[in-house]
Amino acid sequence: MGFSFERFIKLIEDGIVKIELRLGLYTEGVNKGRIHDHGTAFRVLERNLQDCFAYRDRIM
């Protein structure tokens, strides 16, 4: 609990959290060859997810 924006930014700076620009390319139809935007995503491995939070309790 307690998502930490400061920790999150540090993880981005350290290359642990990746920023992904999710662009696609139409391969058929009327829009063939045009790009479309699926938005921006953050990628973080499950083992590093806990580092985004100020407080952690192991429940398992």
N, C-alpha and C. Protein backbone atom coordinates (compact mmCIF):
# COMPACT_ATOMS: atom_id res chain seq x y z
N MET A 1 0.83 -1.18 0.00
CA MET A 1 0.00 0.00 0.00
C MET A 1 0.87 1.24 0.00
N GLY A 2 0.32 2.34 -0.30
CA GLY A 2 1.06 3.58 -0.31
C GLY A 2 1.94 3.75 -1.54
N PHE A 3 1.29 3.74 -2.72
CA PHE A 3 2.06 3.93 -3.95
C PHE A 3 2.95 5.16 -3.81
N SER A 4 4.21 5.03 -4.19
CA SER A 4 5.18 6.11 -4.05
C SER A 4 5.58 6.60 -5.44
N PHE A 5 5.12 7.79 -5.78
CA PHE A 5 5.47 8.38 -7.06
C PHE A 5 6.98 8.60 -7.16
N GLU A 6 7.60 9.01 -6.06
CA GLU A 6 9.04 9.24 -6.04
C GLU A 6 9.80 7.94 -6.33
N ARG A 7 9.40 6.85 -5.71
CA ARG A 7 10.03 5.55 -5.97
C ARG A 7 9.84 5.14 -7.43
N PHE A 8 8.62 5.36 -7.94
CA PHE A 8 8.29 5.01 -9.32
C PHE A 8 9.21 5.75 -10.29
N ILE A 9 9.39 7.04 -10.09
CA ILE A 9 10.27 7.84 -10.95
C ILE A 9 11.70 7.32 -10.86
N LYS A 10 12.16 6.99 -9.66
CA LYS A 10 13.51 6.45 -9.48
C LYS A 10 13.68 5.13 -10.24
N LEU A 11 12.65 4.28 -10.21
CA LEU A 11 12.70 3.01 -10.94
C LEU A 11 12.76 3.24 -12.45
N ILE A 12 12.09 4.28 -12.94
CA ILE A 12 12.18 4.62 -14.36
C ILE A 12 13.60 5.08 -14.67
N GLU A 13 14.15 5.95 -13.83
CA GLU A 13 15.52 6.45 -14.04
C GLU A 13 16.54 5.32 -14.02
N ASP A 14 16.30 4.31 -13.17
CA ASP A 14 17.22 3.17 -13.05
C ASP A 14 17.00 2.11 -14.13
N GLY A 15 15.97 2.31 -14.98
CA GLY A 15 15.71 1.36 -16.06
C GLY A 15 14.96 0.11 -15.63
N ILE A 16 14.41 0.12 -14.42
CA ILE A 16 13.65 -1.04 -13.93
C ILE A 16 12.22 -1.00 -14.45
N VAL A 17 11.64 0.18 -14.46
CA VAL A 17 10.32 0.38 -15.08
C VAL A 17 10.58 0.98 -16.45
N LYS A 18 9.99 0.38 -17.46
CA LYS A 18 10.17 0.83 -18.85
C LYS A 18 8.92 1.57 -19.31
N ILE A 19 9.11 2.59 -20.10
CA ILE A 19 8.00 3.31 -20.72
C ILE A 19 7.87 2.78 -22.14
N GLU A 20 6.67 2.36 -22.49
CA GLU A 20 6.43 1.75 -23.80
C GLU A 20 5.42 2.59 -24.57
N LEU A 21 5.83 3.07 -25.73
CA LEU A 21 4.92 3.78 -26.62
C LEU A 21 4.30 2.72 -27.52
N ARG A 22 3.01 2.52 -27.38
CA ARG A 22 2.34 1.40 -28.03
C ARG A 22 1.68 1.85 -29.33
N LEU A 23 2.46 1.84 -30.39
CA LEU A 23 1.97 2.21 -31.72
C LEU A 23 1.80 0.94 -32.55
N GLY A 24 0.77 0.93 -33.35
CA GLY A 24 0.54 -0.20 -34.23
C GLY A 24 0.46 0.25 -35.67
N LEU A 25 0.51 -0.70 -36.57
CA LEU A 25 0.45 -0.41 -37.99
C LEU A 25 -0.63 -1.29 -38.61
N TYR A 26 -1.58 -0.65 -39.26
CA TYR A 26 -2.60 -1.43 -39.97
C TYR A 26 -1.94 -2.19 -41.11
N THR A 27 -2.25 -3.47 -41.22
CA THR A 27 -1.62 -4.30 -42.26
C THR A 27 -2.57 -4.64 -43.40
N GLU A 28 -3.84 -4.26 -43.23
CA GLU A 28 -4.80 -4.55 -44.31
C GLU A 28 -5.96 -3.58 -44.22
N GLY A 29 -6.80 -3.63 -45.19
CA GLY A 29 -8.00 -2.80 -45.21
C GLY A 29 -7.75 -1.39 -45.70
N VAL A 30 -8.73 -0.54 -45.48
CA VAL A 30 -8.70 0.84 -45.96
C VAL A 30 -7.52 1.62 -45.35
N ASN A 31 -7.18 1.32 -44.11
CA ASN A 31 -6.12 2.05 -43.42
C ASN A 31 -4.74 1.42 -43.54
N LYS A 32 -4.58 0.44 -44.41
CA LYS A 32 -3.31 -0.26 -44.56
C LYS A 32 -2.15 0.72 -44.68
N GLY A 33 -1.11 0.49 -43.86
CA GLY A 33 0.07 1.34 -43.88
C GLY A 33 0.02 2.52 -42.93
N ARG A 34 -1.15 2.79 -42.36
CA ARG A 34 -1.29 3.90 -41.41
C ARG A 34 -1.03 3.40 -39.99
N ILE A 35 -0.53 4.29 -39.15
CA ILE A 35 -0.29 3.91 -37.76
C ILE A 35 -1.51 4.24 -36.90
N HIS A 36 -1.61 3.54 -35.78
CA HIS A 36 -2.64 3.87 -34.79
C HIS A 36 -2.01 3.75 -33.40
N ASP A 37 -2.52 4.54 -32.50
CA ASP A 37 -1.94 4.68 -31.17
C ASP A 37 -2.74 3.88 -30.15
N HIS A 38 -2.05 2.99 -29.45
CA HIS A 38 -2.68 2.20 -28.38
C HIS A 38 -2.39 2.81 -27.01
N GLY A 39 -1.78 3.97 -26.99
CA GLY A 39 -1.48 4.65 -25.74
C GLY A 39 -0.09 4.35 -25.22
N THR A 40 0.19 4.85 -24.05
CA THR A 40 1.48 4.66 -23.41
C THR A 40 1.32 3.69 -22.25
N ALA A 41 2.31 2.83 -22.05
CA ALA A 41 2.24 1.85 -20.97
C ALA A 41 3.54 1.86 -20.18
N PHE A 42 3.44 1.39 -18.95
CA PHE A 42 4.62 1.19 -18.12
C PHE A 42 4.80 -0.30 -17.95
N ARG A 43 6.02 -0.78 -18.18
CA ARG A 43 6.33 -2.21 -18.01
C ARG A 43 7.22 -2.36 -16.78
N VAL A 44 6.78 -3.25 -15.89
CA VAL A 44 7.59 -3.55 -14.71
C VAL A 44 7.45 -5.04 -14.43
N LEU A 45 8.55 -5.70 -14.17
CA LEU A 45 8.50 -7.12 -13.85
C LEU A 45 7.79 -7.31 -12.51
N GLU A 46 7.07 -8.40 -12.38
CA GLU A 46 6.32 -8.67 -11.16
C GLU A 46 7.21 -8.62 -9.92
N ARG A 47 8.43 -9.12 -10.04
CA ARG A 47 9.33 -9.14 -8.88
C ARG A 47 9.74 -7.73 -8.45
N ASN A 48 9.61 -6.73 -9.33
CA ASN A 48 9.96 -5.35 -9.00
C ASN A 48 8.76 -4.49 -8.64
N LEU A 49 7.57 -5.01 -8.81
CA LEU A 49 6.36 -4.24 -8.57
C LEU A 49 6.29 -3.73 -7.13
N GLN A 50 6.72 -4.53 -6.18
CA GLN A 50 6.67 -4.15 -4.78
C GLN A 50 7.50 -2.90 -4.49
N ASP A 51 8.51 -2.64 -5.31
CA ASP A 51 9.38 -1.49 -5.10
C ASP A 51 8.70 -0.16 -5.41
N CYS A 52 7.51 -0.21 -5.98
CA CYS A 52 6.74 1.00 -6.29
C CYS A 52 5.94 1.50 -5.10
N PHE A 53 5.96 0.78 -4.00
CA PHE A 53 5.13 1.10 -2.86
C PHE A 53 5.97 1.38 -1.62
N ALA A 54 5.46 2.27 -0.79
CA ALA A 54 6.18 2.66 0.43
C ALA A 54 6.09 1.58 1.50
N TYR A 55 4.98 0.86 1.56
CA TYR A 55 4.77 -0.16 2.59
C TYR A 55 4.41 -1.48 1.94
N ARG A 56 5.00 -2.56 2.46
CA ARG A 56 4.73 -3.88 1.90
C ARG A 56 4.51 -4.87 3.03
N ASP A 57 3.49 -5.70 2.88
CA ASP A 57 3.24 -6.81 3.78
C ASP A 57 3.19 -8.08 2.95
N ARG A 58 3.94 -9.09 3.36
CA ARG A 58 3.90 -10.37 2.65
C ARG A 58 2.66 -11.12 3.15
N ILE A 59 1.79 -11.51 2.23
CA ILE A 59 0.55 -12.20 2.60
C ILE A 59 0.57 -13.67 2.24
N MET A 60 1.60 -14.11 1.58
CA MET A 60 1.69 -15.52 1.21
C MET A 60 3.00 -16.08 1.68
